[in-house]
Amino acid sequence: MTPHRPWPKAFVVPLAAGIVCLWVSAANSADILSADVHHEGDRYFLSLKAYLDAPPTAVFAVITDYDRLHELHRRIRESRLLRRVDADTAEVYTRFWGCLAGIFCKGMEQVERVEEVPPFELHATVIAEQSDLASGTVSWRLAPDGAGTLLSYESRMDPDFWVPPVIGDGLLKRSISRTTRDMIQRVEERARALATGEGGPGTEQP
């Protein structure tokens, strides 16, 4: 019998922001213009475009508030800035806990090198030797659109995992898409509060 491949080191899209399942009301949700999840072999890709009702400077401030990334993502249990390599480069630690179908659960730690191009771009790359993920990247690209922001978000993850037949590839892809959409909505909520002076990075939320 062919042995099963090991259960995932990770089945979540990496940081910079990456995925969230913090629900907000439809009235406050970001406008998701398009989203696609597909895989090539064991490598998963996600691309998403959205309109956020907040300016790029506020969105950028939220996604670079590394010590509070766990508030943007129910699967992130801990997040923190490890060090500044230079003014626009950071190393960021995140610790995840995730489940598929509420049955199969796995923890993961990762360190990413994050390159910032303020206030319009952020690119994160997994440092494999310090992470439980073979490789991964995330890119945020922000463009002003009136009073808001057009977001282009792309991620790639290359975990070494076996998906149990009861889970299936379709459920995994739906989970990635759903949690990423929810993350974008939470980013918009935080950025809008920051832009209007009601809250944001460094400000406690009720």
Protein backbone atom coordinates (compact mmCIF):
# COMPACT_ATOMS: atom_id res chain seq x y z
CA MET A 1 0.00 0.00 0.00
CA THR A 2 1.29 3.46 -0.86
CA PRO A 3 1.79 5.43 2.36
CA HIS A 4 -0.14 8.61 2.85
CA ARG A 5 1.71 11.85 2.61
CA PRO A 6 2.00 13.67 5.94
CA TRP A 7 -0.75 15.99 7.12
CA PRO A 8 -0.09 19.64 6.21
CA LYS A 9 2.64 21.67 7.65
CA ALA A 10 0.26 24.41 6.54
CA PHE A 11 -2.86 24.75 4.50
CA VAL A 12 -3.34 28.46 4.93
CA VAL A 13 -2.22 31.31 2.73
CA PRO A 14 0.82 33.06 4.23
CA LEU A 15 0.78 36.41 6.02
CA ALA A 16 1.19 40.06 5.19
CA ALA A 17 -1.59 39.85 5.61
CA GLY A 18 -2.98 36.92 4.64
CA ILE A 19 -6.39 35.22 5.46
CA VAL A 20 -8.96 35.96 8.11
CA CYS A 21 -12.31 34.71 9.27
CA LEU A 22 -13.53 37.71 11.24
CA TRP A 23 -17.05 38.32 9.98
CA VAL A 24 -18.38 41.83 9.44
CA SER A 25 -21.82 42.89 8.29
CA ALA A 26 -22.60 43.06 4.58
CA ALA A 27 -23.07 46.82 4.89
CA ASN A 28 -19.43 47.19 5.94
CA SER A 29 -17.92 44.57 3.64
CA ALA A 30 -15.31 45.25 0.98
CA ASP A 31 -16.43 45.02 -2.64
CA ILE A 32 -14.78 41.85 -3.97
CA LEU A 33 -14.44 42.37 -7.73
CA SER A 34 -12.91 39.00 -8.60
CA ALA A 35 -11.28 36.03 -6.89
CA ASP A 36 -9.61 32.86 -8.12
CA VAL A 37 -7.99 29.90 -6.38
CA HIS A 38 -6.27 27.17 -8.33
CA HIS A 39 -3.41 24.74 -7.91
CA GLU A 40 -0.63 23.35 -10.03
CA GLY A 41 0.43 20.09 -8.48
CA ASP A 42 0.82 20.77 -4.75
CA ARG A 43 1.25 24.52 -5.19
CA TYR A 44 -1.79 26.70 -4.53
CA PHE A 45 -2.36 30.16 -6.01
CA LEU A 46 -4.86 32.81 -5.03
CA SER A 47 -5.57 36.13 -6.74
CA LEU A 48 -8.17 38.63 -5.64
CA LYS A 49 -9.18 42.15 -6.64
CA ALA A 50 -11.31 44.33 -4.39
CA TYR A 51 -12.42 47.88 -3.72
CA LEU A 52 -11.87 49.05 -0.14
CA ASP A 53 -13.66 52.08 1.24
CA ALA A 54 -10.51 53.56 2.77
CA PRO A 55 -7.46 55.39 1.33
CA PRO A 56 -4.26 53.48 0.44
CA THR A 57 -2.28 55.13 3.25
CA ALA A 58 -4.69 53.77 5.85
CA VAL A 59 -4.82 50.30 4.26
CA PHE A 60 -1.02 50.21 4.14
CA ALA A 61 -0.80 51.22 7.80
CA VAL A 62 -3.10 48.35 8.78
CA ILE A 63 -1.29 45.61 6.86
CA THR A 64 2.11 46.72 8.18
CA ASP A 65 0.99 46.78 11.83
CA TYR A 66 2.68 43.43 12.33
CA ASP A 67 2.04 43.09 16.04
CA ARG A 68 -1.71 43.14 15.38
CA LEU A 69 -1.99 40.81 12.36
CA HIS A 70 -3.60 38.22 14.63
CA GLU A 71 -6.58 40.56 14.94
CA LEU A 72 -7.10 40.31 11.18
CA HIS A 73 -7.10 36.54 10.97
CA ARG A 74 -8.84 34.03 13.20
CA ARG A 75 -6.24 31.40 12.35
CA ILE A 76 -3.32 33.56 13.44
CA ARG A 77 -2.79 33.03 17.15
CA GLU A 78 0.28 35.24 17.47
CA SER A 79 2.07 37.82 15.32
CA ARG A 80 4.99 40.13 15.93
CA LEU A 81 7.74 42.11 14.28
CA LEU A 82 11.02 40.30 14.86
CA ARG A 83 13.37 42.96 13.52
CA ARG A 84 13.86 45.69 10.99
CA VAL A 85 16.45 44.78 8.37
CA ASP A 86 16.26 48.35 7.08
CA ALA A 87 13.66 51.11 6.83
CA ASP A 88 11.54 49.22 4.29
CA THR A 89 12.32 45.57 5.11
CA ALA A 90 11.05 43.60 8.09
CA GLU A 91 11.12 40.05 9.40
CA VAL A 92 7.75 39.02 10.80
CA TYR A 93 6.75 35.99 12.88
CA THR A 94 3.28 34.43 12.81
CA ARG A 95 1.87 31.37 14.54
CA PHE A 96 -1.19 29.73 12.98
CA TRP A 97 -3.76 27.19 14.07
CA GLY A 98 -6.21 25.93 11.47
CA CYS A 99 -8.70 23.16 10.84
CA LEU A 100 -10.35 21.67 7.79
CA ALA A 101 -14.00 20.67 8.14
CA GLY A 102 -13.64 21.20 11.89
CA ILE A 103 -11.93 17.82 12.14
CA PHE A 104 -8.30 17.90 10.99
CA CYS A 105 -6.26 20.57 12.74
CA LYS A 106 -2.66 21.65 12.56
CA GLY A 107 -0.43 24.32 14.01
CA MET A 108 2.23 26.17 12.04
CA GLU A 109 4.90 28.77 12.62
CA GLN A 110 6.47 30.92 9.96
CA VAL A 111 8.87 33.79 9.50
CA GLU A 112 8.58 36.06 6.48
CA ARG A 113 10.75 38.72 4.98
CA VAL A 114 8.47 41.62 4.16
CA GLU A 115 9.50 44.28 1.66
CA GLU A 116 7.50 47.49 1.86
CA VAL A 117 7.04 50.05 -0.90
CA PRO A 118 4.99 52.66 0.97
CA PRO A 119 2.23 53.39 0.61
CA PHE A 120 1.25 51.22 -2.36
CA GLU A 121 2.96 47.80 -2.27
CA LEU A 122 3.96 45.06 0.15
CA HIS A 123 5.65 41.77 -0.74
CA ALA A 124 6.24 38.95 1.76
CA THR A 125 8.37 35.84 1.23
CA VAL A 126 8.51 32.86 3.59
CA ILE A 127 11.95 32.15 5.06
CA ALA A 128 11.74 28.38 4.70
CA GLU A 129 14.50 27.43 7.14
CA GLN A 130 12.64 29.26 9.93
CA SER A 131 9.15 28.12 8.94
CA ASP A 132 6.84 25.12 8.74
CA LEU A 133 6.13 25.94 5.11
CA ALA A 134 8.28 24.92 2.16
CA SER A 135 7.75 28.25 0.41
CA GLY A 136 5.19 31.00 0.04
CA THR A 137 4.69 34.56 -1.12
CA VAL A 138 2.09 37.28 -0.68
CA SER A 139 1.77 40.57 -2.55
CA TRP A 140 -0.50 43.53 -1.84
CA ARG A 141 -0.79 46.26 -4.48
CA LEU A 142 -2.85 49.34 -3.65
CA ALA A 143 -4.04 52.03 -6.04
CA PRO A 144 -6.08 55.12 -5.16
CA ASP A 145 -9.62 55.17 -6.55
CA GLY A 146 -11.57 58.23 -5.50
CA ALA A 147 -11.71 58.16 -1.70
CA GLY A 148 -10.98 54.43 -1.65
CA THR A 149 -8.45 51.84 -2.74
CA LEU A 150 -8.29 49.28 -5.52
CA LEU A 151 -6.53 46.23 -4.13
CA SER A 152 -4.75 43.50 -6.08
CA TYR A 153 -3.84 40.64 -3.75
CA GLU A 154 -1.88 37.55 -4.81
CA SER A 155 -0.52 34.66 -2.80
CA ARG A 156 1.24 31.38 -3.44
CA MET A 157 1.83 28.58 -1.00
CA ASP A 158 3.81 25.43 -1.45
CA PRO A 159 3.08 23.18 1.53
CA ASP A 160 3.95 19.53 1.78
CA PHE A 161 0.59 18.04 2.61
CA TRP A 162 -1.84 15.30 1.95
CA VAL A 163 -5.53 16.26 1.87
CA PRO A 164 -7.67 13.43 3.29
CA PRO A 165 -10.27 12.21 0.79
CA VAL A 166 -13.09 13.25 3.15
CA ILE A 167 -11.87 16.86 2.80
CA GLY A 168 -11.24 17.08 -0.91
CA ASP A 169 -9.53 19.67 -3.05
CA GLY A 170 -12.71 21.69 -3.57
CA LEU A 171 -13.28 22.24 0.15
CA LEU A 172 -9.68 23.32 0.62
CA LYS A 173 -9.92 25.89 -2.17
CA ARG A 174 -13.23 27.21 -0.86
CA SER A 175 -11.73 27.58 2.61
CA ILE A 176 -8.77 29.56 1.24
CA SER A 177 -11.04 31.83 -0.78
CA ARG A 178 -13.55 32.42 2.02
CA THR A 179 -10.97 33.23 4.68
CA THR A 180 -9.08 35.57 2.36
CA ARG A 181 -12.27 37.48 1.54
CA ASP A 182 -12.98 37.81 5.24
CA MET A 183 -9.48 39.12 5.87
CA ILE A 184 -9.91 41.81 3.23
CA GLN A 185 -13.19 42.87 4.83
CA ARG A 186 -11.53 43.18 8.23
CA VAL A 187 -8.65 45.18 6.75
CA GLU A 188 -11.17 47.58 5.21
CA GLU A 189 -12.99 47.97 8.52
CA ARG A 190 -9.76 48.76 10.40
CA ALA A 191 -8.44 51.09 7.68
CA ARG A 192 -11.69 53.03 7.50
CA ALA A 193 -11.65 53.49 11.27
CA LEU A 194 -8.05 54.67 11.11
CA ALA A 195 -8.79 57.14 8.31
CA THR A 196 -11.71 58.66 10.20
CA GLY A 197 -9.83 58.81 13.48
CA GLU A 198 -11.99 56.17 15.15
CA GLY A 199 -9.26 53.60 15.65
CA GLY A 200 -6.55 51.65 13.89
CA PRO A 201 -2.99 50.50 14.52
CA GLY A 202 -1.93 51.25 18.04
CA THR A 203 -5.51 51.96 19.16
CA GLU A 204 -7.48 49.44 21.17
CA GLN A 205 -10.77 48.40 19.62
CA PRO A 206 -13.86 47.77 21.77
